[in-house]
Amino acid sequence: MINDGKIYIGTSSGSIVAGPDLTCAYLPQVEIENGETLEDYTGLGLVDFTVFPHWGNEDYKQNYLGFGLDLAYSKR
């Protein structure tokens, strides 16, 4: 739909999907609970940056500081 000219609006996880890579959203506890992993962490690439939605919210602190922030840095 995006390729057909539809406007994409994403909030929360939808803002992560708009970026180039979803790796920063990786949560090992979810993988363990569901027994599944994503095979591909490629985002839509609509923007060339990663959004950390809900930054500053205590509920997400461990996710971001424990995993996401380190995973967001790459040689790219």
C-alpha atoms as a PDB file:
ATOM      1  CA  MET A   1       0.000   0.000   0.000  1.00  0.00           C
ATOM      2  CA  ILE A   2       2.890   2.338   0.739  1.00  0.00           C
ATOM      3  CA  ASN A   3       4.288   1.701  -2.733  1.00  0.00           C
ATOM      4  CA  ASP A   4       0.882   2.702  -4.093  1.00  0.00           C
ATOM      5  CA  GLY A   5       1.149   6.108  -2.422  1.00  0.00           C
ATOM      6  CA  LYS A   6      -0.774   5.441   0.787  1.00  0.00           C
ATOM      7  CA  ILE A   7       0.441   7.443   3.779  1.00  0.00           C
ATOM      8  CA  TYR A   8       1.895   5.418   6.641  1.00  0.00           C
ATOM      9  CA  ILE A   9       1.257   6.593  10.176  1.00  0.00           C
ATOM     10  CA  GLY A  10       2.746   4.508  12.945  1.00  0.00           C
ATOM     11  CA  THR A  11       2.670   4.954  16.690  1.00  0.00           C
ATOM     12  CA  SER A  12       4.269   2.868  19.393  1.00  0.00           C
ATOM     13  CA  SER A  13       5.581  -0.290  17.691  1.00  0.00           C
ATOM     14  CA  GLY A  14       4.401   1.105  14.360  1.00  0.00           C
ATOM     15  CA  SER A  15       7.011   3.839  14.671  1.00  0.00           C
ATOM     16  CA  ILE A  16       9.743   1.216  15.103  1.00  0.00           C
ATOM     17  CA  VAL A  17       8.501  -0.620  12.002  1.00  0.00           C
ATOM     18  CA  ALA A  18       8.899   2.586   9.946  1.00  0.00           C
ATOM     19  CA  GLY A  19      12.663   2.527  10.550  1.00  0.00           C
ATOM     20  CA  PRO A  20      15.364   0.439   8.909  1.00  0.00           C
ATOM     21  CA  ASP A  21      15.644  -2.269  11.556  1.00  0.00           C
ATOM     22  CA  LEU A  22      13.500  -3.814  14.303  1.00  0.00           C
ATOM     23  CA  THR A  23      16.364  -5.287  16.317  1.00  0.00           C
ATOM     24  CA  CYS A  24      16.075  -2.662  19.064  1.00  0.00           C
ATOM     25  CA  ALA A  25      12.604  -4.044  19.864  1.00  0.00           C
ATOM     26  CA  TYR A  26      13.989  -7.527  20.563  1.00  0.00           C
ATOM     27  CA  LEU A  27      12.800  -8.829  23.917  1.00  0.00           C
ATOM     28  CA  PRO A  28      14.268 -12.176  24.964  1.00  0.00           C
ATOM     29  CA  GLN A  29      11.489 -12.842  27.495  1.00  0.00           C
ATOM     30  CA  VAL A  30       8.873 -12.664  24.716  1.00  0.00           C
ATOM     31  CA  GLU A  31      10.904 -15.093  22.624  1.00  0.00           C
ATOM     32  CA  ILE A  32      11.104 -17.499  25.549  1.00  0.00           C
ATOM     33  CA  GLU A  33       7.388 -17.212  26.375  1.00  0.00           C
ATOM     34  CA  ASN A  34       6.223 -17.657  22.770  1.00  0.00           C
ATOM     35  CA  GLY A  35       8.924 -20.042  21.605  1.00  0.00           C
ATOM     36  CA  GLU A  36       9.169 -18.044  18.379  1.00  0.00           C
ATOM     37  CA  THR A  37      11.559 -15.522  16.903  1.00  0.00           C
ATOM     38  CA  LEU A  38      11.412 -13.255  13.907  1.00  0.00           C
ATOM     39  CA  GLU A  39      13.409 -14.554  10.983  1.00  0.00           C
ATOM     40  CA  ASP A  40      13.977 -11.053   9.640  1.00  0.00           C
ATOM     41  CA  TYR A  41      14.308  -7.832  11.617  1.00  0.00           C
ATOM     42  CA  THR A  42      14.190  -5.556   8.578  1.00  0.00           C
ATOM     43  CA  GLY A  43      11.882  -2.557   8.960  1.00  0.00           C
ATOM     44  CA  LEU A  44      10.059  -0.690   6.223  1.00  0.00           C
ATOM     45  CA  GLY A  45      12.934   1.774   5.838  1.00  0.00           C
ATOM     46  CA  LEU A  46      10.647   4.782   5.494  1.00  0.00           C
ATOM     47  CA  VAL A  47      13.058   6.752   7.677  1.00  0.00           C
ATOM     48  CA  ASP A  48      16.770   6.232   8.344  1.00  0.00           C
ATOM     49  CA  PHE A  49      16.549   6.336  12.134  1.00  0.00           C
ATOM     50  CA  THR A  50      15.163   4.225  14.960  1.00  0.00           C
ATOM     51  CA  VAL A  51      12.380   5.487  17.205  1.00  0.00           C
ATOM     52  CA  PHE A  52      12.209   4.404  20.831  1.00  0.00           C
ATOM     53  CA  PRO A  53       8.518   4.891  21.616  1.00  0.00           C
ATOM     54  CA  HIS A  54       7.534   5.511  25.221  1.00  0.00           C
ATOM     55  CA  TRP A  55      11.099   6.589  26.087  1.00  0.00           C
ATOM     56  CA  GLY A  56      11.154   7.690  29.716  1.00  0.00           C
ATOM     57  CA  ASN A  57       8.236   5.464  30.718  1.00  0.00           C
ATOM     58  CA  GLU A  58       9.275   3.317  33.679  1.00  0.00           C
ATOM     59  CA  ASP A  59       7.499   0.277  32.186  1.00  0.00           C
ATOM     60  CA  TYR A  60       9.946   0.240  29.251  1.00  0.00           C
ATOM     61  CA  LYS A  61      13.131   1.171  31.084  1.00  0.00           C
ATOM     62  CA  GLN A  62      14.548  -2.343  31.416  1.00  0.00           C
ATOM     63  CA  ASN A  63      13.693  -3.197  27.815  1.00  0.00           C
ATOM     64  CA  TYR A  64      15.506  -0.171  26.448  1.00  0.00           C
ATOM     65  CA  LEU A  65      18.461   0.011  28.813  1.00  0.00           C
ATOM     66  CA  GLY A  66      18.835  -3.765  29.135  1.00  0.00           C
ATOM     67  CA  PHE A  67      18.581  -4.668  25.441  1.00  0.00           C
ATOM     68  CA  GLY A  68      17.259  -2.147  22.934  1.00  0.00           C
ATOM     69  CA  LEU A  69      19.765   0.661  23.262  1.00  0.00           C
ATOM     70  CA  ASP A  70      22.756  -1.651  22.803  1.00  0.00           C
ATOM     71  CA  LEU A  71      21.092  -3.386  19.853  1.00  0.00           C
ATOM     72  CA  ALA A  72      20.281  -0.082  18.140  1.00  0.00           C
ATOM     73  CA  TYR A  73      23.945   0.727  17.562  1.00  0.00           C
ATOM     74  CA  SER A  74      25.590  -0.811  14.535  1.00  0.00           C
ATOM     75  CA  LYS A  75      28.287  -0.099  12.010  1.00  0.00           C
ATOM     76  CA  ARG A  76      25.555   0.985   9.624  1.00  0.00           C
END
